[in-house]
Amino acid sequence: MDKTEIQAVEDERDNVGQNCGEITYLKGLHLRVITAALCMYLFLQNIEIPIVVTALVSITDDIKGYGRVHWIVSAYLLGYVGVLIIIAKLSDIFGRKPILIPVFTIFIVFSAACGAAQSIEQLIIFRAFQGIGAAGYALCAIIFVELVPEEKYAKYSASLSFVYALSLSLGPIVGGAINEHGSWRWVFLLNIPAGIPALAIILFYLPNGFPFHGMQGRRNAGCQSSQQGIRQLDVVGATLLLLGTLSLATSLQEAGHSHAWKSAFTIALLSSSAVLWVLFLIWERKVTQKSGLVQPVFPWRFIRNRAWMGLLLNGIFLGAVWFVTVLELPQRFEIVNGSSPLQAGIHLLPFTFASPIGGVIVTIIAKAKVPIVYLLLAGSLLQIVAYTLLATLPVSTHIRRAEYAYQVLAGMGVGANIGLGTLMTPFAVEKRDKAVALGALPQFRIVGGVVGVAIATTVMTNHVNTSLQHILTPSQIVSVLRSPQSIQSSSAEVRGPVVFAMASGFRSIMFILCGLSVGQFFASTLIWKRTQIVV
């Protein structure tokens, strides 16, 4: 190829799926209806993570299989985290709506299948497919910033982060209510009556060819056919990304449950994941630099973009802090304080409501042209203070009033970082990479969550083993770790030391969250530039 031909190919590669005419923004009632439908989809897919945790005991009591109970959550996360970036890239090539509709449909169909599952094996398989359907989160984030011009990004990013925070936070309350007053199957079945109307709205109201759906856009469209689109798929990169992510997530989920950290299974998966990630980066560098039509699923430009890598690292630490808090604090209220699942969700309300409020506040401040890096650093500092205070609370079976105030501080900090990450992404990367970046951020945030939960589980396991090895037999300790709620029915002689050991373990976890928040702070400093990013 001569220089002219190479340049023509590069121009076509960069423009495909990005410049199919001028963007036509939605307005008025049309905009509000689509926004509401997307928010409902976001709410349902994100609430699935914490809402199911509260129903695990009821599920296993009904269909048995307690030894594999953790896979009910893990399967969903693996399906979800494995395909976020891939789905975002597919929408770049084939369009937003043609990918969003089938993904949303998968979510609804397999939600129904989960509700009808008759065995633990069926439920785990259906949960994995439900997780794939939930990966439409990436598409919702992309569409949100394409609905309106750049000057309105802050407002709509605030809506996105508000729904994200609210859904993950209300999960324990909704799950607790269902667990106490109804069948566990409604944890999954509620997605059907809520999801079908939202899907119908998107199907009929989201324009074909969105966001390049104007008449001028159709006449000027350089949009490719399906055959041309397939030629651009980075199949090798997508495969390496999927396998690397699944290997890492599976090893971390299994470690401490079915396999020890030193087991051949865990070491083999972690080693395989490391090799796959290295191969993935090498391949993406090659595809990015090569003159051809194949579009890299994770452009090498990301690695060279210090601000963007800082934001991704921030997301990894944030995911760990966020998931561990939402999953561990309710368990602490149940195990140590003797609360019911519903009461545990209510005790978490200071954190749950402060998170979306924090996201909205920093978004409003960012609209005043305050550099985003300042707000990210402030939010991380707030987390450090909050989790330090939570960690220094005395071990007790009583809930102190100060704990609610500390939860508010933690929620404000976490919510601020969630909102700012989504808001900053379109301004931190090149325009052609916006969709992939909006898919990458939640994917790495979930990976961080998986890592954080694995760390917390390991710390709790080691702490309980050390504290109770002179009181309980190894089999009793295993029983406590697998079903901590069962200690409430134990004798007073056993219950007291066990509760104290678990309370001390939760306190150690708060110290870990403080350390992760420190890591988040230093990751945010990478975003610092001579000319700061503002919105």
Protein backbone atom coordinates (compact mmCIF):
# COMPACT_ATOMS: atom_id res chain seq x y z
CA MET A 1 0.00 0.00 0.00
CA ASP A 2 1.24 3.49 -0.78
CA LYS A 3 0.91 6.37 1.70
CA THR A 4 -2.35 7.59 0.17
CA GLU A 5 -4.00 4.17 0.46
CA ILE A 6 -2.76 3.68 4.04
CA GLN A 7 -4.14 7.07 5.06
CA ALA A 8 -7.49 6.26 3.43
CA VAL A 9 -7.72 2.98 5.36
CA GLU A 10 -6.82 4.70 8.65
CA ASP A 11 -9.40 7.42 8.05
CA GLU A 12 -12.07 4.81 7.35
CA ARG A 13 -11.11 2.83 10.47
CA ASP A 14 -11.31 5.90 12.70
CA ASN A 15 -14.55 7.17 11.18
CA VAL A 16 -16.53 3.93 11.04
CA GLY A 17 -19.33 3.95 13.58
CA GLN A 18 -18.34 7.44 14.70
CA ASN A 19 -19.08 9.85 11.90
CA CYS A 20 -22.20 8.53 10.21
CA GLY A 21 -23.50 12.05 9.74
CA GLU A 22 -24.19 14.76 12.30
CA ILE A 23 -25.47 13.75 15.72
CA THR A 24 -29.15 14.58 16.24
CA TYR A 25 -29.91 15.15 19.92
CA LEU A 26 -33.23 14.20 21.52
CA LYS A 27 -35.43 16.87 23.09
CA GLY A 28 -38.51 17.39 25.22
CA LEU A 29 -40.80 14.48 26.07
CA HIS A 30 -38.88 12.16 23.75
CA LEU A 31 -35.69 12.77 25.75
CA ARG A 32 -37.40 12.33 29.12
CA VAL A 33 -39.08 9.05 28.13
CA ILE A 34 -35.85 7.48 26.86
CA THR A 35 -33.99 8.71 29.93
CA ALA A 36 -36.58 7.13 32.24
CA ALA A 37 -36.39 3.80 30.39
CA LEU A 38 -32.60 3.72 30.53
CA CYS A 39 -32.65 4.59 34.24
CA MET A 40 -35.03 1.69 34.90
CA TYR A 41 -32.71 -0.72 33.08
CA LEU A 42 -29.73 0.61 35.06
CA PHE A 43 -31.62 0.31 38.33
CA LEU A 44 -32.68 -3.30 37.71
CA GLN A 45 -29.31 -4.59 36.55
CA ASN A 46 -27.37 -2.96 39.41
CA ILE A 47 -29.78 -3.83 42.22
CA GLU A 48 -29.34 -7.51 41.31
CA ILE A 49 -25.98 -7.70 43.06
CA PRO A 50 -26.92 -6.69 46.63
CA ILE A 51 -30.56 -7.79 46.53
CA VAL A 52 -29.61 -11.41 45.90
CA VAL A 53 -27.09 -11.48 48.76
CA THR A 54 -29.88 -10.99 51.30
CA ALA A 55 -31.84 -13.91 49.84
CA LEU A 56 -29.02 -16.49 49.69
CA VAL A 57 -30.09 -18.32 52.85
CA SER A 58 -33.70 -18.57 51.65
CA ILE A 59 -32.58 -19.77 48.22
CA THR A 60 -30.36 -22.54 49.56
CA ASP A 61 -32.96 -23.59 52.13
CA ASP A 62 -35.37 -24.14 49.22
CA ILE A 63 -33.22 -25.64 46.45
CA LYS A 64 -30.23 -26.75 48.58
CA GLY A 65 -26.62 -26.62 47.40
CA TYR A 66 -25.20 -24.41 50.13
CA GLY A 67 -21.63 -25.44 49.24
CA ARG A 68 -22.00 -23.56 45.93
CA VAL A 69 -24.04 -20.65 47.22
CA HIS A 70 -21.31 -18.09 46.49
CA TRP A 71 -21.60 -18.97 42.79
CA ILE A 72 -25.09 -17.45 42.72
CA VAL A 73 -23.40 -14.06 43.07
CA SER A 74 -20.16 -14.97 41.29
CA ALA A 75 -21.84 -16.26 38.13
CA TYR A 76 -23.67 -12.95 37.70
CA LEU A 77 -20.49 -10.93 38.22
CA LEU A 78 -18.50 -13.12 35.82
CA GLY A 79 -21.08 -12.78 33.07
CA TYR A 80 -21.30 -9.06 33.71
CA VAL A 81 -17.63 -8.18 33.96
CA GLY A 82 -16.52 -10.37 31.08
CA VAL A 83 -18.29 -8.53 28.29
CA LEU A 84 -18.72 -4.85 29.24
CA ILE A 85 -15.96 -3.49 27.00
CA ILE A 86 -16.80 -5.98 24.25
CA ILE A 87 -20.45 -4.89 24.16
CA ALA A 88 -19.40 -1.23 24.09
CA LYS A 89 -17.14 -1.90 21.11
CA LEU A 90 -19.82 -3.88 19.28
CA SER A 91 -22.14 -0.89 19.62
CA ASP A 92 -19.45 1.30 18.07
CA ILE A 93 -19.42 -0.95 15.01
CA PHE A 94 -23.05 -2.04 14.63
CA GLY A 95 -24.88 0.79 16.42
CA ARG A 96 -26.27 1.36 19.91
CA LYS A 97 -29.84 0.17 19.46
CA PRO A 98 -29.09 -3.09 17.56
CA ILE A 99 -26.89 -4.19 20.47
CA LEU A 100 -28.91 -2.75 23.38
CA ILE A 101 -32.22 -4.44 22.46
CA PRO A 102 -30.93 -8.06 22.43
CA VAL A 103 -28.79 -7.49 25.53
CA PHE A 104 -31.76 -6.08 27.48
CA THR A 105 -33.91 -8.97 26.23
CA ILE A 106 -31.34 -11.49 27.51
CA PHE A 107 -31.49 -9.82 30.92
CA ILE A 108 -35.28 -10.08 31.16
CA VAL A 109 -35.51 -13.64 29.79
CA PHE A 110 -32.88 -15.04 32.13
CA SER A 111 -34.31 -13.12 35.09
CA ALA A 112 -37.47 -15.15 34.50
CA ALA A 113 -35.38 -18.31 34.16
CA CYS A 114 -33.65 -17.61 37.50
CA GLY A 115 -37.03 -17.16 39.16
CA ALA A 116 -38.16 -20.52 37.80
CA ALA A 117 -34.92 -22.44 38.59
CA GLN A 118 -35.44 -25.78 40.31
CA SER A 119 -31.83 -26.58 41.22
CA ILE A 120 -28.67 -24.75 42.24
CA GLU A 121 -27.01 -25.80 38.96
CA GLN A 122 -29.80 -24.26 36.88
CA LEU A 123 -29.73 -21.06 38.90
CA ILE A 124 -25.96 -20.62 38.51
CA ILE A 125 -26.14 -21.08 34.72
CA PHE A 126 -29.10 -18.72 34.36
CA ARG A 127 -27.36 -16.14 36.57
CA ALA A 128 -24.34 -16.12 34.26
CA PHE A 129 -26.54 -15.30 31.26
CA GLN A 130 -28.45 -12.75 33.31
CA GLY A 131 -25.09 -11.10 34.03
CA ILE A 132 -24.34 -10.90 30.31
CA GLY A 133 -27.68 -9.16 29.85
CA ALA A 134 -26.84 -6.77 32.68
CA ALA A 135 -23.67 -5.71 30.83
CA GLY A 136 -25.91 -3.34 28.90
CA TYR A 137 -24.85 -0.90 31.62
CA ALA A 138 -22.04 0.12 29.27
CA LEU A 139 -24.52 0.97 26.51
CA CYS A 140 -26.69 3.00 28.87
CA ALA A 141 -23.67 5.04 29.96
CA ILE A 142 -22.73 5.66 26.32
CA ILE A 143 -26.25 6.62 25.27
CA PHE A 144 -26.61 8.97 28.25
CA VAL A 145 -23.74 11.16 27.03
CA GLU A 146 -25.01 11.03 23.44
CA LEU A 147 -28.53 12.16 24.26
CA VAL A 148 -27.47 15.78 24.80
CA PRO A 149 -24.66 18.20 23.85
CA GLU A 150 -21.44 18.33 25.89
CA GLU A 151 -22.53 21.30 27.96
CA LYS A 152 -25.32 19.13 29.44
CA TYR A 153 -23.12 16.10 30.23
CA ALA A 154 -22.89 17.03 33.90
CA LYS A 155 -26.66 16.90 34.42
CA TYR A 156 -27.13 13.54 32.73
CA SER A 157 -23.99 12.01 34.23
CA ALA A 158 -25.42 12.96 37.63
CA SER A 159 -28.61 11.05 36.77
CA LEU A 160 -26.55 8.03 35.76
CA SER A 161 -24.45 7.97 38.92
CA PHE A 162 -27.52 8.68 41.09
CA VAL A 163 -29.33 5.62 39.72
CA TYR A 164 -26.17 3.51 39.98
CA ALA A 165 -25.57 4.42 43.61
CA LEU A 166 -29.24 4.24 44.61
CA SER A 167 -29.79 0.81 43.06
CA LEU A 168 -26.75 -0.81 44.68
CA SER A 169 -27.60 0.83 47.97
CA LEU A 170 -31.31 -0.03 48.14
CA GLY A 171 -30.64 -3.67 47.27
CA PRO A 172 -30.24 -4.84 50.87
CA ILE A 173 -33.51 -3.16 51.89
CA VAL A 174 -35.57 -4.50 48.98
CA GLY A 175 -33.96 -7.92 49.33
CA GLY A 176 -34.61 -7.94 53.08
CA ALA A 177 -38.27 -7.06 52.58
CA ILE A 178 -38.74 -9.80 49.98
CA ASN A 179 -36.88 -12.29 52.15
CA GLU A 180 -39.10 -11.62 55.16
CA HIS A 181 -42.49 -11.24 53.47
CA GLY A 182 -42.39 -13.22 50.22
CA SER A 183 -40.70 -15.88 48.10
CA TRP A 184 -37.04 -15.49 47.13
CA ARG A 185 -38.10 -16.00 43.50
CA TRP A 186 -39.40 -12.42 43.41
CA VAL A 187 -35.80 -11.25 43.77
CA PHE A 188 -35.51 -12.20 40.09
CA LEU A 189 -39.11 -12.05 38.88
CA LEU A 190 -39.54 -8.35 39.74
CA ASN A 191 -37.32 -7.57 36.72
CA ILE A 192 -40.04 -8.77 34.34
CA PRO A 193 -42.92 -6.33 35.06
CA ALA A 194 -40.42 -3.48 35.51
CA GLY A 195 -38.17 -4.38 32.59
CA ILE A 196 -40.62 -5.14 29.78
CA PRO A 197 -42.13 -1.60 29.65
CA ALA A 198 -38.63 -0.08 29.67
CA LEU A 199 -37.56 -2.42 26.84
CA ALA A 200 -40.67 -1.51 24.83
CA ILE A 201 -39.95 2.21 25.24
CA ILE A 202 -36.38 1.78 24.03
CA LEU A 203 -37.53 -0.38 21.12
CA PHE A 204 -40.12 2.09 19.85
CA TYR A 205 -38.78 5.46 21.01
CA LEU A 206 -34.99 5.22 20.59
CA PRO A 207 -34.44 6.23 16.94
CA ASN A 208 -32.86 3.75 14.53
CA GLY A 209 -29.31 4.79 13.79
CA PHE A 210 -28.99 6.62 17.12
CA PRO A 211 -27.20 8.97 17.59
CA PHE A 212 -26.70 9.56 13.84
CA HIS A 213 -30.39 9.36 13.02
CA GLY A 214 -31.13 12.68 11.29
CA MET A 215 -32.05 12.81 7.61
CA GLN A 216 -28.78 14.55 6.80
CA GLY A 217 -26.97 11.90 8.76
CA ARG A 218 -28.65 9.16 6.73
CA ARG A 219 -27.69 10.79 3.44
CA ASN A 220 -24.11 11.35 4.53
CA ALA A 221 -23.82 8.03 6.36
CA GLY A 222 -20.63 6.19 5.78
CA CYS A 223 -22.06 3.50 7.99
CA GLN A 224 -20.89 0.02 7.12
CA SER A 225 -22.90 -3.04 6.29
CA SER A 226 -22.92 -6.02 8.62
CA GLN A 227 -20.21 -7.64 6.53
CA GLN A 228 -18.02 -4.54 6.79
CA GLY A 229 -18.68 -4.39 10.52
CA ILE A 230 -17.60 -7.99 11.04
CA ARG A 231 -14.31 -7.21 9.31
CA GLN A 232 -13.59 -4.61 11.99
CA LEU A 233 -14.13 -6.92 14.97
CA ASP A 234 -11.06 -7.42 17.13
CA VAL A 235 -11.86 -11.09 17.72
CA VAL A 236 -8.45 -12.00 19.15
CA GLY A 237 -8.42 -9.00 21.51
CA ALA A 238 -11.98 -9.64 22.67
CA THR A 239 -11.21 -13.31 23.34
CA LEU A 240 -8.06 -12.55 25.31
CA LEU A 241 -9.90 -9.87 27.32
CA LEU A 242 -12.79 -12.21 28.10
CA LEU A 243 -10.57 -15.15 29.13
CA GLY A 244 -8.19 -12.97 31.14
CA THR A 245 -11.02 -11.31 33.04
CA LEU A 246 -12.88 -14.55 33.72
CA SER A 247 -9.69 -16.33 34.89
CA LEU A 248 -8.89 -13.53 37.33
CA ALA A 249 -12.44 -13.20 38.65
CA THR A 250 -12.95 -16.97 38.97
CA SER A 251 -9.70 -17.52 40.87
CA LEU A 252 -10.49 -14.72 43.31
CA GLN A 253 -14.07 -15.89 43.82
CA GLU A 254 -13.04 -19.50 44.45
CA ALA A 255 -10.05 -18.73 46.70
CA GLY A 256 -11.11 -19.24 50.29
CA HIS A 257 -14.29 -21.10 49.28
CA SER A 258 -13.80 -24.27 47.26
CA HIS A 259 -10.03 -23.91 46.91
CA ALA A 260 -7.24 -22.55 49.10
CA TRP A 261 -5.08 -19.64 47.97
CA LYS A 262 -2.10 -22.02 47.70
CA SER A 263 -4.02 -24.66 45.75
CA ALA A 264 -2.98 -25.67 42.24
CA PHE A 265 -6.38 -24.51 40.94
CA THR A 266 -6.02 -20.96 42.25
CA ILE A 267 -2.36 -20.59 41.26
CA ALA A 268 -3.02 -21.97 37.77
CA LEU A 269 -5.92 -19.60 37.15
CA LEU A 270 -4.03 -16.56 38.48
CA SER A 271 -0.99 -17.44 36.36
CA SER A 272 -3.16 -17.98 33.29
CA SER A 273 -4.86 -14.64 33.88
CA ALA A 274 -1.52 -12.84 34.12
CA VAL A 275 -0.33 -14.39 30.84
CA LEU A 276 -3.61 -13.61 29.09
CA TRP A 277 -3.53 -9.96 30.21
CA VAL A 278 0.06 -9.55 28.95
CA LEU A 279 -0.87 -11.11 25.60
CA PHE A 280 -3.94 -8.89 25.45
CA LEU A 281 -1.90 -5.71 25.90
CA ILE A 282 0.69 -6.82 23.35
CA TRP A 283 -2.04 -7.61 20.84
CA GLU A 284 -3.91 -4.35 21.40
CA ARG A 285 -0.69 -2.38 20.87
CA LYS A 286 -0.13 -4.22 17.61
CA VAL A 287 -3.70 -3.70 16.37
CA THR A 288 -3.73 -0.02 17.36
CA GLN A 289 -0.47 0.69 15.52
CA LYS A 290 -1.27 -1.45 12.48
CA SER A 291 -2.86 0.16 9.43
CA GLY A 292 -6.05 -1.82 8.95
CA LEU A 293 -9.80 -1.83 9.51
CA VAL A 294 -9.77 -3.89 12.72
CA GLN A 295 -10.78 -1.66 15.63
CA PRO A 296 -8.93 -2.49 18.88
CA VAL A 297 -11.23 -3.37 21.75
CA PHE A 298 -8.88 -1.54 24.15
CA PRO A 299 -6.82 1.00 22.15
CA TRP A 300 -3.16 1.37 23.12
CA ARG A 301 -3.90 5.10 23.33
CA PHE A 302 -5.47 4.34 26.72
CA ILE A 303 -2.19 3.03 28.13
CA ARG A 304 -0.36 6.17 27.00
CA ASN A 305 -3.03 8.46 28.48
CA ARG A 306 -1.84 9.07 32.07
CA ALA A 307 -5.03 10.87 33.14
CA TRP A 308 -7.24 8.09 31.82
CA MET A 309 -5.13 5.35 33.45
CA GLY A 310 -5.36 7.28 36.72
CA LEU A 311 -9.14 7.28 36.38
CA LEU A 312 -9.17 3.52 35.69
CA LEU A 313 -6.99 2.84 38.75
CA ASN A 314 -9.28 5.08 40.78
CA GLY A 315 -12.19 2.94 39.54
CA ILE A 316 -10.48 -0.30 40.60
CA PHE A 317 -9.89 0.92 44.16
CA LEU A 318 -13.35 2.51 44.26
CA GLY A 319 -15.01 -0.74 43.18
CA ALA A 320 -13.26 -2.60 46.00
CA VAL A 321 -14.33 -0.03 48.61
CA TRP A 322 -17.88 0.18 47.30
CA PHE A 323 -18.61 -3.54 47.02
CA VAL A 324 -17.05 -4.50 50.31
CA THR A 325 -19.00 -1.79 52.13
CA VAL A 326 -22.36 -2.72 50.59
CA LEU A 327 -21.84 -6.46 51.18
CA GLU A 328 -20.01 -6.48 54.52
CA LEU A 329 -21.78 -3.81 56.59
CA PRO A 330 -25.23 -5.46 56.34
CA GLN A 331 -23.64 -8.77 57.37
CA ARG A 332 -22.06 -7.03 60.35
CA PHE A 333 -25.44 -5.68 61.42
CA GLU A 334 -26.98 -9.16 61.14
CA ILE A 335 -24.18 -11.18 62.75
CA VAL A 336 -22.85 -8.83 65.42
CA ASN A 337 -25.90 -6.72 66.19
CA GLY A 338 -28.56 -9.40 65.67
CA SER A 339 -30.54 -7.44 63.07
CA SER A 340 -32.89 -9.05 60.56
CA PRO A 341 -32.01 -8.67 56.84
CA LEU A 342 -34.53 -5.84 56.52
CA GLN A 343 -33.23 -4.09 59.64
CA ALA A 344 -29.67 -4.47 58.35
CA GLY A 345 -30.66 -2.68 55.16
CA ILE A 346 -32.25 0.09 57.18
CA HIS A 347 -29.09 0.49 59.29
CA LEU A 348 -27.18 0.95 56.02
CA LEU A 349 -29.44 3.81 54.90
CA PRO A 350 -27.04 6.61 55.95
CA PHE A 351 -24.48 5.23 53.51
CA THR A 352 -26.98 4.37 50.79
CA PHE A 353 -28.63 7.78 50.67
CA ALA A 354 -25.43 9.76 51.13
CA SER A 355 -23.83 8.11 48.06
CA PRO A 356 -26.15 9.50 45.37
CA ILE A 357 -26.30 12.84 47.18
CA GLY A 358 -22.50 13.03 47.11
CA GLY A 359 -22.55 12.31 43.38
CA VAL A 360 -25.05 15.06 42.69
CA ILE A 361 -23.21 17.63 44.84
CA VAL A 362 -19.84 17.17 43.14
CA THR A 363 -21.49 17.25 39.72
CA ILE A 364 -23.01 20.63 40.54
CA ILE A 365 -19.63 21.87 41.76
CA ALA A 366 -17.93 20.52 38.61
CA LYS A 367 -20.34 22.55 36.46
CA ALA A 368 -18.82 25.67 38.03
CA LYS A 369 -15.57 24.76 36.16
CA VAL A 370 -13.82 23.37 39.24
CA PRO A 371 -11.13 20.91 38.01
CA ILE A 372 -12.39 17.36 38.42
CA VAL A 373 -9.10 16.11 39.90
CA TYR A 374 -9.60 18.39 42.92
CA LEU A 375 -13.01 16.87 43.57
CA LEU A 376 -11.74 13.30 43.13
CA LEU A 377 -8.97 13.93 45.65
CA ALA A 378 -11.42 15.53 48.09
CA GLY A 379 -13.81 12.56 47.79
CA SER A 380 -10.97 10.10 48.40
CA LEU A 381 -9.84 12.04 51.47
CA LEU A 382 -13.38 11.95 52.81
CA GLN A 383 -13.36 8.17 52.41
CA ILE A 384 -10.03 7.86 54.24
CA VAL A 385 -11.39 9.83 57.19
CA ALA A 386 -14.70 7.94 57.25
CA TYR A 387 -13.26 4.42 57.13
CA THR A 388 -10.59 5.30 59.68
CA LEU A 389 -13.35 6.40 62.05
CA LEU A 390 -15.39 3.25 61.33
CA ALA A 391 -12.31 1.12 62.01
CA THR A 392 -11.64 2.78 65.35
CA LEU A 393 -15.11 2.14 66.75
CA PRO A 394 -14.92 -0.19 69.76
CA VAL A 395 -15.97 -3.79 69.26
CA SER A 396 -19.54 -3.97 70.52
CA THR A 397 -22.87 -5.65 69.85
CA HIS A 398 -24.56 -2.24 70.07
CA ILE A 399 -24.75 0.21 67.16
CA ARG A 400 -23.39 3.59 68.17
CA ARG A 401 -24.94 6.77 66.80
CA ALA A 402 -21.54 7.95 65.59
CA GLU A 403 -21.45 4.99 63.22
CA TYR A 404 -24.34 6.46 61.23
CA ALA A 405 -22.47 9.76 60.85
CA TYR A 406 -19.35 7.94 59.68
CA GLN A 407 -21.46 6.05 57.13
CA VAL A 408 -22.68 9.37 55.75
CA LEU A 409 -19.09 10.58 55.28
CA ALA A 410 -18.12 7.32 53.57
CA GLY A 411 -21.18 7.42 51.33
CA MET A 412 -20.53 11.02 50.29
CA GLY A 413 -16.93 10.18 49.34
CA VAL A 414 -17.80 7.03 47.43
CA GLY A 415 -20.73 8.66 45.64
CA ALA A 416 -18.57 11.62 44.64
CA ASN A 417 -16.02 9.35 42.98
CA ILE A 418 -18.69 7.30 41.20
CA GLY A 419 -20.28 10.39 39.71
CA LEU A 420 -17.01 12.08 38.78
CA GLY A 421 -15.63 8.98 37.06
CA THR A 422 -18.56 8.80 34.65
CA LEU A 423 -18.59 12.56 34.15
CA MET A 424 -14.87 12.84 33.42
CA THR A 425 -14.55 9.90 31.02
CA PRO A 426 -15.73 11.64 27.80
CA PHE A 427 -13.31 14.51 28.49
CA ALA A 428 -10.31 12.30 29.32
CA VAL A 429 -10.15 10.29 26.07
CA GLU A 430 -10.33 10.97 22.35
CA LYS A 431 -13.81 11.28 20.88
CA ARG A 432 -13.47 8.06 18.87
CA ASP A 433 -12.69 6.12 22.08
CA LYS A 434 -15.54 7.51 24.18
CA ALA A 435 -17.79 4.44 23.95
CA VAL A 436 -15.06 1.93 24.80
CA ALA A 437 -13.87 4.11 27.69
CA LEU A 438 -17.39 4.27 29.14
CA GLY A 439 -17.51 0.47 28.98
CA ALA A 440 -14.00 0.02 30.41
CA LEU A 441 -14.61 2.12 33.54
CA PRO A 442 -17.45 -0.03 34.99
CA GLN A 443 -15.67 -3.23 33.93
CA PHE A 444 -12.53 -2.35 35.88
CA ARG A 445 -14.67 -1.07 38.74
CA ILE A 446 -16.35 -4.49 38.99
CA VAL A 447 -12.97 -6.24 38.77
CA GLY A 448 -11.87 -4.06 41.68
CA GLY A 449 -15.01 -5.09 43.55
CA VAL A 450 -14.25 -8.78 43.01
CA VAL A 451 -10.67 -8.27 44.24
CA GLY A 452 -11.87 -6.29 47.27
CA VAL A 453 -14.43 -8.92 48.28
CA ALA A 454 -11.78 -11.65 47.92
CA ILE A 455 -9.42 -9.71 50.18
CA ALA A 456 -12.15 -9.08 52.76
CA THR A 457 -13.21 -12.74 52.73
CA THR A 458 -9.62 -13.92 53.22
CA VAL A 459 -9.02 -11.49 56.09
CA MET A 460 -12.23 -12.56 57.83
CA THR A 461 -11.46 -16.25 57.35
CA ASN A 462 -7.93 -15.94 58.76
CA HIS A 463 -9.12 -13.78 61.65
CA VAL A 464 -11.89 -16.17 62.65
CA ASN A 465 -9.61 -19.21 62.32
CA THR A 466 -6.99 -17.57 64.54
CA SER A 467 -9.48 -16.34 67.15
CA LEU A 468 -11.60 -19.49 67.46
CA GLN A 469 -9.17 -22.35 66.90
CA HIS A 470 -8.95 -22.96 70.68
CA ILE A 471 -12.72 -22.83 71.15
CA LEU A 472 -14.29 -24.54 68.14
CA THR A 473 -13.38 -27.57 66.06
CA PRO A 474 -12.26 -27.01 62.44
CA SER A 475 -15.61 -28.25 61.15
CA GLN A 476 -17.48 -25.82 63.42
CA ILE A 477 -15.32 -22.92 62.21
CA VAL A 478 -16.08 -23.89 58.60
CA SER A 479 -19.79 -23.95 59.47
CA VAL A 480 -19.58 -20.46 61.01
CA LEU A 481 -17.80 -19.05 57.95
CA ARG A 482 -20.26 -20.62 55.52
CA SER A 483 -23.35 -19.57 57.46
CA PRO A 484 -22.50 -16.83 59.97
CA GLN A 485 -26.17 -16.20 60.68
CA SER A 486 -26.40 -19.68 62.20
CA ILE A 487 -24.48 -18.52 65.28
CA GLN A 488 -27.61 -16.76 66.55
CA SER A 489 -29.06 -20.21 67.32
CA SER A 490 -25.88 -21.39 69.12
CA SER A 491 -25.49 -21.63 72.89
CA ALA A 492 -24.45 -18.51 74.80
CA GLU A 493 -21.03 -20.05 75.58
CA VAL A 494 -20.28 -20.39 71.88
CA ARG A 495 -22.16 -17.38 70.57
CA GLY A 496 -20.27 -14.80 72.66
CA PRO A 497 -16.71 -15.62 71.47
CA VAL A 498 -17.87 -16.13 67.88
CA VAL A 499 -19.67 -12.79 67.73
CA PHE A 500 -16.65 -11.05 69.25
CA ALA A 501 -14.32 -12.70 66.72
CA MET A 502 -16.58 -11.70 63.81
CA ALA A 503 -16.87 -8.14 65.14
CA SER A 504 -13.08 -7.86 65.32
CA GLY A 505 -12.87 -9.23 61.78
CA PHE A 506 -15.26 -6.59 60.45
CA ARG A 507 -13.19 -3.93 62.20
CA SER A 508 -10.09 -5.19 60.37
CA ILE A 509 -12.00 -4.96 57.10
CA MET A 510 -12.70 -1.28 57.77
CA PHE A 511 -8.94 -0.70 58.13
CA ILE A 512 -8.46 -2.40 54.77
CA LEU A 513 -11.06 -0.10 53.20
CA CYS A 514 -9.14 2.84 54.63
CA GLY A 515 -5.98 1.53 52.93
CA LEU A 516 -7.81 1.02 49.63
CA SER A 517 -9.08 4.60 49.86
CA VAL A 518 -5.48 5.77 50.27
CA GLY A 519 -4.61 3.85 47.09
CA GLN A 520 -7.55 5.54 45.39
CA PHE A 521 -6.21 8.96 46.44
CA PHE A 522 -2.78 8.32 44.93
CA ALA A 523 -4.33 6.87 41.77
CA SER A 524 -6.27 10.13 41.37
CA THR A 525 -3.04 12.16 41.49
CA LEU A 526 -2.14 10.64 38.09
CA ILE A 527 -4.99 12.68 36.63
CA TRP A 528 -3.17 15.90 37.57
CA LYS A 529 -2.23 17.90 34.46
CA ARG A 530 -0.74 21.29 33.76
CA THR A 531 -4.09 22.24 32.22
CA GLN A 532 -6.69 20.56 34.40
CA ILE A 533 -9.75 18.78 32.96
CA VAL A 534 -12.97 20.72 33.54
CA VAL A 535 -16.49 20.17 32.22
